[in-house]
PDB file of N, CA and C in Angstrom:
ATOM      1  N   MET A   1     -32.277   2.833   2.710  1.00  0.00           N
ATOM      2  CA  MET A   1     -31.135   2.181   2.125  1.00  0.00           C
ATOM      3  C   MET A   1     -31.423   0.682   2.089  1.00  0.00           C
ATOM      4  N   ARG A   2     -31.210   0.059   0.932  1.00  0.00           N
ATOM      5  CA  ARG A   2     -31.380  -1.383   0.791  1.00  0.00           C
ATOM      6  C   ARG A   2     -30.038  -1.987   0.427  1.00  0.00           C
ATOM      7  N   ILE A   3     -29.759  -3.141   1.000  1.00  0.00           N
ATOM      8  CA  ILE A   3     -28.501  -3.815   0.691  1.00  0.00           C
ATOM      9  C   ILE A   3     -28.806  -5.071  -0.109  1.00  0.00           C
ATOM     10  N   ARG A   4     -28.196  -5.185  -1.273  1.00  0.00           N
ATOM     11  CA  ARG A   4     -28.294  -6.378  -2.109  1.00  0.00           C
ATOM     12  C   ARG A   4     -26.901  -6.949  -2.242  1.00  0.00           C
ATOM     13  N   SER A   5     -26.715  -8.154  -1.772  1.00  0.00           N
ATOM     14  CA  SER A   5     -25.393  -8.786  -1.694  1.00  0.00           C
ATOM     15  C   SER A   5     -24.423  -7.756  -1.144  1.00  0.00           C
ATOM     16  N   GLN A   6     -23.449  -7.283  -1.955  1.00  0.00           N
ATOM     17  CA  GLN A   6     -22.508  -6.299  -1.433  1.00  0.00           C
ATOM     18  C   GLN A   6     -22.692  -4.940  -2.078  1.00  0.00           C
ATOM     19  N   GLN A   7     -23.720  -4.781  -2.869  1.00  0.00           N
ATOM     20  CA  GLN A   7     -23.970  -3.505  -3.528  1.00  0.00           C
ATOM     21  C   GLN A   7     -24.939  -2.684  -2.690  1.00  0.00           C
ATOM     22  N   VAL A   8     -24.617  -1.420  -2.495  1.00  0.00           N
ATOM     23  CA  VAL A   8     -25.488  -0.530  -1.742  1.00  0.00           C
ATOM     24  C   VAL A   8     -26.200   0.377  -2.737  1.00  0.00           C
ATOM     25  N   ILE A   9     -27.514   0.427  -2.642  1.00  0.00           N
ATOM     26  CA  ILE A   9     -28.298   1.301  -3.502  1.00  0.00           C
ATOM     27  C   ILE A   9     -28.836   2.426  -2.639  1.00  0.00           C
ATOM     28  N   ILE A  10     -28.529   3.645  -3.025  1.00  0.00           N
ATOM     29  CA  ILE A  10     -28.965   4.804  -2.265  1.00  0.00           C
ATOM     30  C   ILE A  10     -29.922   5.597  -3.142  1.00  0.00           C
ATOM     31  N   SER A  11     -31.044   5.985  -2.587  1.00  0.00           N
ATOM     32  CA  SER A  11     -31.999   6.803  -3.327  1.00  0.00           C
ATOM     33  C   SER A  11     -32.109   8.162  -2.670  1.00  0.00           C
ATOM     34  N   THR A  12     -32.268   9.183  -3.496  1.00  0.00           N
ATOM     35  CA  THR A  12     -32.552  10.513  -2.975  1.00  0.00           C
ATOM     36  C   THR A  12     -34.000  10.821  -3.328  1.00  0.00           C
ATOM     37  N   ILE A  13     -34.614  11.685  -2.574  1.00  0.00           N
ATOM     38  CA  ILE A  13     -36.018  12.019  -2.789  1.00  0.00           C
ATOM     39  C   ILE A  13     -36.103  13.473  -3.260  1.00  0.00           C
ATOM     40  N   SER A  14     -36.860  13.707  -4.325  1.00  0.00           N
ATOM     41  CA  SER A  14     -37.104  15.084  -4.749  1.00  0.00           C
ATOM     42  C   SER A  14     -38.593  15.365  -4.585  1.00  0.00           C
ATOM     43  N   MET A  15     -38.914  16.553  -4.141  1.00  0.00           N
ATOM     44  CA  MET A  15     -40.305  16.916  -3.879  1.00  0.00           C
ATOM     45  C   MET A  15     -40.927  17.526  -5.136  1.00  0.00           C
ATOM     46  N   ARG A  16     -42.075  17.006  -5.514  1.00  0.00           N
ATOM     47  CA  ARG A  16     -42.912  17.628  -6.535  1.00  0.00           C
ATOM     48  C   ARG A  16     -44.224  17.971  -5.856  1.00  0.00           C
ATOM     49  N   ARG A  17     -45.011  18.811  -6.479  1.00  0.00           N
ATOM     50  CA  ARG A  17     -46.294  19.185  -5.879  1.00  0.00           C
ATOM     51  C   ARG A  17     -47.188  17.984  -5.651  1.00  0.00           C
ATOM     52  N   ASP A  18     -47.170  17.044  -6.589  1.00  0.00           N
ATOM     53  CA  ASP A  18     -48.136  15.955  -6.520  1.00  0.00           C
ATOM     54  C   ASP A  18     -47.577  14.622  -6.032  1.00  0.00           C
ATOM     55  N   ALA A  19     -46.260  14.477  -5.925  1.00  0.00           N
ATOM     56  CA  ALA A  19     -45.743  13.155  -5.549  1.00  0.00           C
ATOM     57  C   ALA A  19     -44.295  13.230  -5.098  1.00  0.00           C
ATOM     58  N   LEU A  20     -43.874  12.171  -4.416  1.00  0.00           N
ATOM     59  CA  LEU A  20     -42.466  11.976  -4.087  1.00  0.00           C
ATOM     60  C   LEU A  20     -41.883  11.066  -5.159  1.00  0.00           C
ATOM     61  N   VAL A  21     -40.757  11.472  -5.740  1.00  0.00           N
ATOM     62  CA  VAL A  21     -40.157  10.683  -6.816  1.00  0.00           C
ATOM     63  C   VAL A  21     -38.745  10.289  -6.407  1.00  0.00           C
ATOM     64  N   PRO A  22     -38.471   8.994  -6.228  1.00  0.00           N
ATOM     65  CA  PRO A  22     -37.102   8.590  -5.889  1.00  0.00           C
ATOM     66  C   PRO A  22     -36.203   8.646  -7.125  1.00  0.00           C
ATOM     67  N   HIS A  23     -34.953   9.037  -6.916  1.00  0.00           N
ATOM     68  CA  HIS A  23     -33.963   9.065  -7.992  1.00  0.00           C
ATOM     69  C   HIS A  23     -32.798   8.180  -7.580  1.00  0.00           C
ATOM     70  N   LYS A  24     -32.547   7.127  -8.330  1.00  0.00           N
ATOM     71  CA  LYS A  24     -31.454   6.216  -8.008  1.00  0.00           C
ATOM     72  C   LYS A  24     -30.126   6.849  -8.416  1.00  0.00           C
ATOM     73  N   LEU A  25     -29.138   6.752  -7.543  1.00  0.00           N
ATOM     74  CA  LEU A  25     -27.802   7.232  -7.868  1.00  0.00           C
ATOM     75  C   LEU A  25     -27.198   6.349  -8.948  1.00  0.00           C
ATOM     76  N   GLN A  26     -26.451   6.971  -9.859  1.00  0.00           N
ATOM     77  CA  GLN A  26     -25.752   6.209 -10.893  1.00  0.00           C
ATOM     78  C   GLN A  26     -24.701   5.305 -10.252  1.00  0.00           C
ATOM     79  N   SER A  27     -24.045   5.813  -9.222  1.00  0.00           N
ATOM     80  CA  SER A  27     -23.016   5.058  -8.512  1.00  0.00           C
ATOM     81  C   SER A  27     -22.956   5.580  -7.090  1.00  0.00           C
ATOM     82  N   SER A  28     -22.769   4.690  -6.129  1.00  0.00           N
ATOM     83  CA  SER A  28     -22.666   5.131  -4.737  1.00  0.00           C
ATOM     84  C   SER A  28     -21.218   5.169  -4.274  1.00  0.00           C
ATOM     85  N   SER A  29     -20.267   4.902  -5.184  1.00  0.00           N
ATOM     86  CA  SER A  29     -18.855   4.906  -4.828  1.00  0.00           C
ATOM     87  C   SER A  29     -18.081   5.883  -5.702  1.00  0.00           C
ATOM     88  N   CYS A  30     -17.216   6.652  -5.063  1.00  0.00           N
ATOM     89  CA  CYS A  30     -16.331   7.554  -5.801  1.00  0.00           C
ATOM     90  C   CYS A  30     -15.112   6.801  -6.316  1.00  0.00           C
ATOM     91  N   GLY A  31     -14.869   5.623  -5.776  1.00  0.00           N
ATOM     92  CA  GLY A  31     -13.688   4.856  -6.161  1.00  0.00           C
ATOM     93  C   GLY A  31     -12.444   5.358  -5.444  1.00  0.00           C
ATOM     94  N   ASN A  32     -11.436   4.528  -5.411  1.00  0.00           N
ATOM     95  CA  ASN A  32     -10.169   4.892  -4.782  1.00  0.00           C
ATOM     96  C   ASN A  32      -9.503   5.969  -5.635  1.00  0.00           C
ATOM     97  N   PRO A  33      -9.224   7.155  -5.057  1.00  0.00           N
ATOM     98  CA  PRO A  33      -8.643   8.237  -5.847  1.00  0.00           C
ATOM     99  C   PRO A  33      -7.151   8.059  -6.115  1.00  0.00           C
ATOM    100  N   GLY A  34      -6.531   7.101  -5.439  1.00  0.00           N
ATOM    101  CA  GLY A  34      -5.095   6.895  -5.596  1.00  0.00           C
ATOM    102  C   GLY A  34      -4.305   7.746  -4.622  1.00  0.00           C
ATOM    103  N   VAL A  35      -3.031   7.468  -4.545  1.00  0.00           N
ATOM    104  CA  VAL A  35      -2.145   8.177  -3.625  1.00  0.00           C
ATOM    105  C   VAL A  35      -1.141   8.971  -4.459  1.00  0.00           C
ATOM    106  N   PRO A  36      -0.995  10.274  -4.184  1.00  0.00           N
ATOM    107  CA  PRO A  36      -0.020  11.050  -4.954  1.00  0.00           C
ATOM    108  C   PRO A  36       1.404  10.593  -4.633  1.00  0.00           C
ATOM    109  N   PRO A  37       2.348  10.758  -5.562  1.00  0.00           N
ATOM    110  CA  PRO A  37       3.743  10.424  -5.258  1.00  0.00           C
ATOM    111  C   PRO A  37       4.197  11.138  -3.988  1.00  0.00           C
ATOM    112  N   LYS A  38       4.867  10.416  -3.115  1.00  0.00           N
ATOM    113  CA  LYS A  38       5.348  10.903  -1.811  1.00  0.00           C
ATOM    114  C   LYS A  38       4.206  11.231  -0.860  1.00  0.00           C
ATOM    115  N   GLY A  39       3.006  10.740  -1.158  1.00  0.00           N
ATOM    116  CA  GLY A  39       1.838  11.026  -0.334  1.00  0.00           C
ATOM    117  C   GLY A  39       1.384   9.833   0.480  1.00  0.00           C
ATOM    118  N   ILE A  40       0.500  10.097   1.431  1.00  0.00           N
ATOM    119  CA  ILE A  40      -0.093   9.074   2.290  1.00  0.00           C
ATOM    120  C   ILE A  40      -1.605   9.293   2.275  1.00  0.00           C
ATOM    121  N   LEU A  41      -2.361   8.221   2.064  1.00  0.00           N
ATOM    122  CA  LEU A  41      -3.825   8.267   2.056  1.00  0.00           C
ATOM    123  C   LEU A  41      -4.338   7.617   3.329  1.00  0.00           C
ATOM    124  N   TYR A  42      -5.213   8.312   4.054  1.00  0.00           N
ATOM    125  CA  TYR A  42      -5.857   7.777   5.246  1.00  0.00           C
ATOM    126  C   TYR A  42      -7.329   7.567   4.927  1.00  0.00           C
ATOM    127  N   GLY A  43      -7.755   6.327   4.928  1.00  0.00           N
ATOM    128  CA  GLY A  43      -9.146   6.001   4.644  1.00  0.00           C
ATOM    129  C   GLY A  43      -9.224   4.855   3.655  1.00  0.00           C
ATOM    130  N   THR A  44     -10.207   3.996   3.870  1.00  0.00           N
ATOM    131  CA  THR A  44     -10.362   2.826   3.002  1.00  0.00           C
ATOM    132  C   THR A  44     -11.775   2.706   2.459  1.00  0.00           C
ATOM    133  N   ARG A  45     -12.633   3.666   2.799  1.00  0.00           N
ATOM    134  CA  ARG A  45     -14.016   3.636   2.310  1.00  0.00           C
ATOM    135  C   ARG A  45     -14.211   4.812   1.367  1.00  0.00           C
ATOM    136  N   PHE A  46     -14.854   4.545   0.224  1.00  0.00           N
ATOM    137  CA  PHE A  46     -14.959   5.552  -0.824  1.00  0.00           C
ATOM    138  C   PHE A  46     -16.396   5.751  -1.302  1.00  0.00           C
ATOM    139  N   ASN A  47     -17.370   5.542  -0.405  1.00  0.00           N
ATOM    140  CA  ASN A  47     -18.782   5.693  -0.759  1.00  0.00           C
ATOM    141  C   ASN A  47     -19.288   7.090  -0.416  1.00  0.00           C
ATOM    142  N   VAL A  48     -20.453   7.446  -0.953  1.00  0.00           N
ATOM    143  CA  VAL A  48     -21.048   8.757  -0.697  1.00  0.00           C
ATOM    144  C   VAL A  48     -21.107   9.002   0.812  1.00  0.00           C
ATOM    145  N   GLY A  49     -20.601  10.159   1.235  1.00  0.00           N
ATOM    146  CA  GLY A  49     -20.568  10.529   2.646  1.00  0.00           C
ATOM    147  C   GLY A  49     -19.246  10.216   3.326  1.00  0.00           C
ATOM    148  N   ASP A  50     -18.437   9.341   2.739  1.00  0.00           N
ATOM    149  CA  ASP A  50     -17.146   8.993   3.341  1.00  0.00           C
ATOM    150  C   ASP A  50     -16.132  10.110   3.117  1.00  0.00           C
ATOM    151  N   LYS A  51     -15.235  10.259   4.088  1.00  0.00           N
ATOM    152  CA  LYS A  51     -14.169  11.259   4.010  1.00  0.00           C
ATOM    153  C   LYS A  51     -12.826  10.542   4.040  1.00  0.00           C
ATOM    154  N   ILE A  52     -11.867  11.077   3.291  1.00  0.00           N
ATOM    155  CA  ILE A  52     -10.499  10.569   3.321  1.00  0.00           C
ATOM    156  C   ILE A  52      -9.565  11.754   3.542  1.00  0.00           C
ATOM    157  N   ARG A  53      -8.365  11.463   4.050  1.00  0.00           N
ATOM    158  CA  ARG A  53      -7.380  12.519   4.308  1.00  0.00           C
ATOM    159  C   ARG A  53      -6.069  12.161   3.637  1.00  0.00           C
ATOM    160  N   PHE A  54      -5.294  13.188   3.335  1.00  0.00           N
ATOM    161  CA  PHE A  54      -3.980  13.016   2.731  1.00  0.00           C
ATOM    162  C   PHE A  54      -2.933  13.752   3.547  1.00  0.00           C
ATOM    163  N   SER A  55      -1.718  13.239   3.532  1.00  0.00           N
ATOM    164  CA  SER A  55      -0.558  13.949   4.056  1.00  0.00           C
ATOM    165  C   SER A  55       0.625  13.526   3.191  1.00  0.00           C
ATOM    166  N   CYS A  56       1.793  14.068   3.492  1.00  0.00           N
ATOM    167  CA  CYS A  56       2.990  13.763   2.709  1.00  0.00           C
ATOM    168  C   CYS A  56       4.083  13.205   3.612  1.00  0.00           C
ATOM    169  N   VAL A  57       5.015  12.484   3.012  1.00  0.00           N
ATOM    170  CA  VAL A  57       6.153  11.962   3.762  1.00  0.00           C
ATOM    171  C   VAL A  57       7.048  13.132   4.163  1.00  0.00           C
ATOM    172  N   THR A  58       7.949  12.897   5.101  1.00  0.00           N
ATOM    173  CA  THR A  58       8.866  13.920   5.586  1.00  0.00           C
ATOM    174  C   THR A  58       9.640  14.536   4.424  1.00  0.00           C
ATOM    175  N   GLY A  59       9.737  15.851   4.440  1.00  0.00           N
ATOM    176  CA  GLY A  59      10.456  16.570   3.396  1.00  0.00           C
ATOM    177  C   GLY A  59       9.557  17.085   2.285  1.00  0.00           C
ATOM    178  N   TYR A  60       8.253  16.778   2.377  1.00  0.00           N
ATOM    179  CA  TYR A  60       7.302  17.213   1.353  1.00  0.00           C
ATOM    180  C   TYR A  60       6.118  17.906   2.020  1.00  0.00           C
ATOM    181  N   VAL A  61       5.509  18.832   1.300  1.00  0.00           N
ATOM    182  CA  VAL A  61       4.337  19.546   1.812  1.00  0.00           C
ATOM    183  C   VAL A  61       3.160  19.317   0.871  1.00  0.00           C
ATOM    184  N   LEU A  62       1.972  19.280   1.458  1.00  0.00           N
ATOM    185  CA  LEU A  62       0.750  19.033   0.699  1.00  0.00           C
ATOM    186  C   LEU A  62       0.309  20.307  -0.019  1.00  0.00           C
ATOM    187  N   ASP A  63      -0.019  20.182  -1.282  1.00  0.00           N
ATOM    188  CA  ASP A  63      -0.541  21.288  -2.081  1.00  0.00           C
ATOM    189  C   ASP A  63      -1.940  20.890  -2.539  1.00  0.00           C
ATOM    190  N   GLY A  64      -2.955  21.455  -1.895  1.00  0.00           N
ATOM    191  CA  GLY A  64      -4.342  21.104  -2.190  1.00  0.00           C
ATOM    192  C   GLY A  64      -5.105  20.857  -0.902  1.00  0.00           C
ATOM    193  N   HIS A  65      -6.303  20.351  -1.039  1.00  0.00           N
ATOM    194  CA  HIS A  65      -7.152  20.084   0.126  1.00  0.00           C
ATOM    195  C   HIS A  65      -6.703  18.797   0.821  1.00  0.00           C
ATOM    196  N   PRO A  66      -6.484  18.844   2.143  1.00  0.00           N
ATOM    197  CA  PRO A  66      -6.044  17.647   2.861  1.00  0.00           C
ATOM    198  C   PRO A  66      -7.155  16.625   3.063  1.00  0.00           C
ATOM    199  N   GLN A  67      -8.419  17.059   2.956  1.00  0.00           N
ATOM    200  CA  GLN A  67      -9.549  16.142   3.157  1.00  0.00           C
ATOM    201  C   GLN A  67     -10.484  16.205   1.960  1.00  0.00           C
ATOM    202  N   LEU A  68     -10.895  15.038   1.470  1.00  0.00           N
ATOM    203  CA  LEU A  68     -11.864  14.935   0.385  1.00  0.00           C
ATOM    204  C   LEU A  68     -13.082  14.191   0.905  1.00  0.00           C
ATOM    205  N   THR A  69     -14.259  14.571   0.404  1.00  0.00           N
ATOM    206  CA  THR A  69     -15.516  13.921   0.766  1.00  0.00           C
ATOM    207  C   THR A  69     -16.174  13.412  -0.506  1.00  0.00           C
ATOM    208  N   CYS A  70     -16.686  12.190  -0.452  1.00  0.00           N
ATOM    209  CA  CYS A  70     -17.413  11.623  -1.584  1.00  0.00           C
ATOM    210  C   CYS A  70     -18.835  12.185  -1.551  1.00  0.00           C
ATOM    211  N   VAL A  71     -19.211  12.900  -2.601  1.00  0.00           N
ATOM    212  CA  VAL A  71     -20.518  13.556  -2.683  1.00  0.00           C
ATOM    213  C   VAL A  71     -21.203  13.172  -3.993  1.00  0.00           C
ATOM    214  N   THR A  72     -22.469  13.546  -4.130  1.00  0.00           N
ATOM    215  CA  THR A  72     -23.162  13.330  -5.404  1.00  0.00           C
ATOM    216  C   THR A  72     -23.221  14.646  -6.164  1.00  0.00           C
ATOM    217  N   ASN A  73     -23.004  14.571  -7.480  1.00  0.00           N
ATOM    218  CA  ASN A  73     -23.095  15.777  -8.298  1.00  0.00           C
ATOM    219  C   ASN A  73     -24.501  15.915  -8.861  1.00  0.00           C
ATOM    220  N   THR A  74     -24.724  16.905  -9.693  1.00  0.00           N
ATOM    221  CA  THR A  74     -26.065  17.149 -10.228  1.00  0.00           C
ATOM    222  C   THR A  74     -26.544  16.029 -11.142  1.00  0.00           C
ATOM    223  N   GLY A  75     -25.635  15.225 -11.665  1.00  0.00           N
ATOM    224  CA  GLY A  75     -26.015  14.089 -12.498  1.00  0.00           C
ATOM    225  C   GLY A  75     -26.249  12.821 -11.696  1.00  0.00           C
ATOM    226  N   ASN A  76     -26.361  12.958 -10.359  1.00  0.00           N
ATOM    227  CA  ASN A  76     -26.556  11.814  -9.456  1.00  0.00           C
ATOM    228  C   ASN A  76     -25.429  10.791  -9.547  1.00  0.00           C
ATOM    229  N   THR A  77     -24.217  11.280  -9.729  1.00  0.00           N
ATOM    230  CA  THR A  77     -23.042  10.418  -9.770  1.00  0.00           C
ATOM    231  C   THR A  77     -22.164  10.744  -8.566  1.00  0.00           C
ATOM    232  N   ALA A  78     -21.554   9.732  -7.978  1.00  0.00           N
ATOM    233  CA  ALA A  78     -20.659   9.940  -6.838  1.00  0.00           C
ATOM    234  C   ALA A  78     -19.316  10.469  -7.345  1.00  0.00           C
ATOM    235  N   VAL A  79     -18.863  11.585  -6.759  1.00  0.00           N
ATOM    236  CA  VAL A  79     -17.594  12.210  -7.142  1.00  0.00           C
ATOM    237  C   VAL A  79     -16.907  12.765  -5.895  1.00  0.00           C
ATOM    238  N   TRP A  80     -15.578  12.931  -5.958  1.00  0.00           N
ATOM    239  CA  TRP A  80     -14.843  13.587  -4.878  1.00  0.00           C
ATOM    240  C   TRP A  80     -15.064  15.085  -4.991  1.00  0.00           C
ATOM    241  N   ASP A  81     -15.186  15.773  -3.848  1.00  0.00           N
ATOM    242  CA  ASP A  81     -15.495  17.204  -3.869  1.00  0.00           C
ATOM    243  C   ASP A  81     -14.317  18.084  -4.266  1.00  0.00           C
ATOM    244  N   PHE A  82     -13.098  17.568  -4.222  1.00  0.00           N
ATOM    245  CA  PHE A  82     -11.913  18.311  -4.647  1.00  0.00           C
ATOM    246  C   PHE A  82     -10.961  17.356  -5.357  1.00  0.00           C
ATOM    247  N   PRO A  83     -10.043  17.903  -6.165  1.00  0.00           N
ATOM    248  CA  PRO A  83      -9.035  17.038  -6.799  1.00  0.00           C
ATOM    249  C   PRO A  83      -8.074  16.471  -5.748  1.00  0.00           C
ATOM    250  N   VAL A  84      -7.438  15.374  -6.081  1.00  0.00           N
ATOM    251  CA  VAL A  84      -6.430  14.783  -5.193  1.00  0.00           C
ATOM    252  C   VAL A  84      -5.269  15.774  -5.079  1.00  0.00           C
ATOM    253  N   PRO A  85      -4.824  16.078  -3.851  1.00  0.00           N
ATOM    254  CA  PRO A  85      -3.708  17.012  -3.688  1.00  0.00           C
ATOM    255  C   PRO A  85      -2.401  16.381  -4.158  1.00  0.00           C
ATOM    256  N   ILE A  86      -1.362  17.204  -4.266  1.00  0.00           N
ATOM    257  CA  ILE A  86      -0.043  16.690  -4.631  1.00  0.00           C
ATOM    258  C   ILE A  86       0.942  17.033  -3.521  1.00  0.00           C
ATOM    259  N   CYS A  87       2.057  16.327  -3.494  1.00  0.00           N
ATOM    260  CA  CYS A  87       3.109  16.583  -2.511  1.00  0.00           C
ATOM    261  C   CYS A  87       4.285  17.242  -3.224  1.00  0.00           C
ATOM    262  N   ARG A  88       4.722  18.366  -2.694  1.00  0.00           N
ATOM    263  CA  ARG A  88       5.849  19.104  -3.273  1.00  0.00           C
ATOM    264  C   ARG A  88       7.020  19.065  -2.294  1.00  0.00           C
ATOM    265  N   GLY A  89       8.218  18.989  -2.834  1.00  0.00           N
ATOM    266  CA  GLY A  89       9.414  18.996  -1.998  1.00  0.00           C
ATOM    267  C   GLY A  89       9.555  20.314  -1.261  1.00  0.00           C
ATOM    268  N   LYS A  90       9.934  20.243   0.019  1.00  0.00           N
ATOM    269  CA  LYS A  90      10.106  21.467   0.810  1.00  0.00           C
ATOM    270  C   LYS A  90      11.268  22.301   0.290  1.00  0.00           C
ATOM    271  N   HIS A  91      12.382  21.665  -0.077  1.00  0.00           N
ATOM    272  CA  HIS A  91      13.581  22.380  -0.514  1.00  0.00           C
ATOM    273  C   HIS A  91      13.987  21.871  -1.885  1.00  0.00           C
ATOM    274  N   SER A  92      13.233  22.266  -2.876  1.00  0.00           N
ATOM    275  CA  SER A  92      13.557  21.839  -4.239  1.00  0.00           C
ATOM    276  C   SER A  92      13.026  22.855  -5.219  1.00  0.00           C
ATOM    277  N   SER A  93      13.353  22.661  -6.457  1.00  0.00           N
ATOM    278  CA  SER A  93      12.861  23.575  -7.485  1.00  0.00           C
ATOM    279  C   SER A  93      11.357  23.440  -7.650  1.00  0.00           C
ATOM    280  N   GLU A  94      10.753  22.369  -7.059  1.00  0.00           N
ATOM    281  CA  GLU A  94       9.298  22.229  -7.093  1.00  0.00           C
ATOM    282  C   GLU A  94       8.637  23.294  -6.228  1.00  0.00           C
ATOM    283  N   ASN A  95       9.354  23.808  -5.247  1.00  0.00           N
ATOM    284  CA  ASN A  95       8.821  24.813  -4.337  1.00  0.00           C
ATOM    285  C   ASN A  95       9.819  25.973  -4.325  1.00  0.00           C
ATOM    286  N   PRO A  96       9.738  26.913  -5.286  1.00  0.00           N
ATOM    287  CA  PRO A  96      10.752  27.950  -5.456  1.00  0.00           C
ATOM    288  C   PRO A  96      11.025  28.777  -4.208  1.00  0.00           C
ATOM    289  N   GLU A  97      10.002  29.088  -3.423  1.00  0.00           N
ATOM    290  CA  GLU A  97      10.205  29.928  -2.244  1.00  0.00           C
ATOM    291  C   GLU A  97      11.155  29.274  -1.246  1.00  0.00           C
ATOM    292  N   THR A  98      10.913  28.014  -0.898  1.00  0.00           N
ATOM    293  CA  THR A  98      11.780  27.352   0.080  1.00  0.00           C
ATOM    294  C   THR A  98      13.118  26.974  -0.544  1.00  0.00           C
ATOM    295  N   PHE A  99      13.160  26.767  -1.859  1.00  0.00           N
ATOM    296  CA  PHE A  99      14.422  26.483  -2.539  1.00  0.00           C
ATOM    297  C   PHE A  99      15.355  27.680  -2.387  1.00  0.00           C
ATOM    298  N   LEU A 100      14.838  28.897  -2.606  1.00  0.00           N
ATOM    299  CA  LEU A 100      15.657  30.100  -2.465  1.00  0.00           C
ATOM    300  C   LEU A 100      16.097  30.294  -1.023  1.00  0.00           C
ATOM    301  N   GLU A 101      15.211  30.033  -0.064  1.00  0.00           N
ATOM    302  CA  GLU A 101      15.579  30.136   1.349  1.00  0.00           C
ATOM    303  C   GLU A 101      16.720  29.184   1.672  1.00  0.00           C
ATOM    304  N   ALA A 102      16.642  27.961   1.190  1.00  0.00           N
ATOM    305  CA  ALA A 102      17.683  26.966   1.459  1.00  0.00           C
ATOM    306  C   ALA A 102      19.003  27.393   0.840  1.00  0.00           C
ATOM    307  N   MET A 103      18.974  27.933  -0.375  1.00  0.00           N
ATOM    308  CA  MET A 103      20.201  28.379  -1.035  1.00  0.00           C
ATOM    309  C   MET A 103      20.851  29.513  -0.245  1.00  0.00           C
ATOM    310  N   MET A 104      20.045  30.459   0.264  1.00  0.00           N
ATOM    311  CA  MET A 104      20.598  31.581   1.021  1.00  0.00           C
ATOM    312  C   MET A 104      21.180  31.102   2.343  1.00  0.00           C
ATOM    313  N   CYS A 105      20.550  30.132   2.984  1.00  0.00           N
ATOM    314  CA  CYS A 105      21.040  29.613   4.260  1.00  0.00           C
ATOM    315  C   CYS A 105      22.384  28.911   4.092  1.00  0.00           C
ATOM    316  N   MET A 106      22.611  28.315   2.940  1.00  0.00           N
ATOM    317  CA  MET A 106      23.857  27.580   2.698  1.00  0.00           C
ATOM    318  C   MET A 106      24.921  28.474   2.067  1.00  0.00           C
ATOM    319  N   ASN A 107      24.673  29.791   2.027  1.00  0.00           N
ATOM    320  CA  ASN A 107      25.593  30.767   1.443  1.00  0.00           C
ATOM    321  C   ASN A 107      25.926  30.477  -0.010  1.00  0.00           C
ATOM    322  N   HIS A 108      24.976  29.952  -0.726  1.00  0.00           N
ATOM    323  CA  HIS A 108      25.143  29.749  -2.163  1.00  0.00           C
ATOM    324  C   HIS A 108      24.569  30.959  -2.882  1.00  0.00           C
ATOM    325  N   PRO A 109      25.180  31.332  -3.998  1.00  0.00           N
ATOM    326  CA  PRO A 109      24.562  32.423  -4.758  1.00  0.00           C
ATOM    327  C   PRO A 109      23.199  31.986  -5.281  1.00  0.00           C
ATOM    328  N   VAL A 110      22.271  32.894  -5.232  1.00  0.00           N
ATOM    329  CA  VAL A 110      20.919  32.596  -5.694  1.00  0.00           C
ATOM    330  C   VAL A 110      20.852  32.866  -7.195  1.00  0.00           C
ATOM    331  N   PRO A 111      20.460  31.851  -7.989  1.00  0.00           N
ATOM    332  CA  PRO A 111      20.373  32.077  -9.432  1.00  0.00           C
ATOM    333  C   PRO A 111      19.271  33.080  -9.757  1.00  0.00           C
ATOM    334  N   VAL A 112      19.525  33.904 -10.735  1.00  0.00           N
ATOM    335  CA  VAL A 112      18.543  34.923 -11.115  1.00  0.00           C
ATOM    336  C   VAL A 112      17.844  34.526 -12.383  1.00  0.00           C
TER     337      VAL A 112
END
């Protein structure tokens, strides 16, 4: 790994019969993936090998992978290994199962 000013250049090595050939990554950063509405992002580093975690504010549940890792794809580009998760309301029409449970608990007729 070589550091030039603030840019990090990472090379991977591929084996050939006759030589070692370095392949420069197109980008060593996946970039900030953003925070989903009602979500919380834990992590401030977005380079290859870095991991970030997500959770949701009270009253919401995470739908998707709670942890993402910055990896390289076959095109030697840095990408997140999963899509950014979303936060769904625990008791809302966004989450039909818990919405129906809440309606039954409050003795409301359940819409059909």
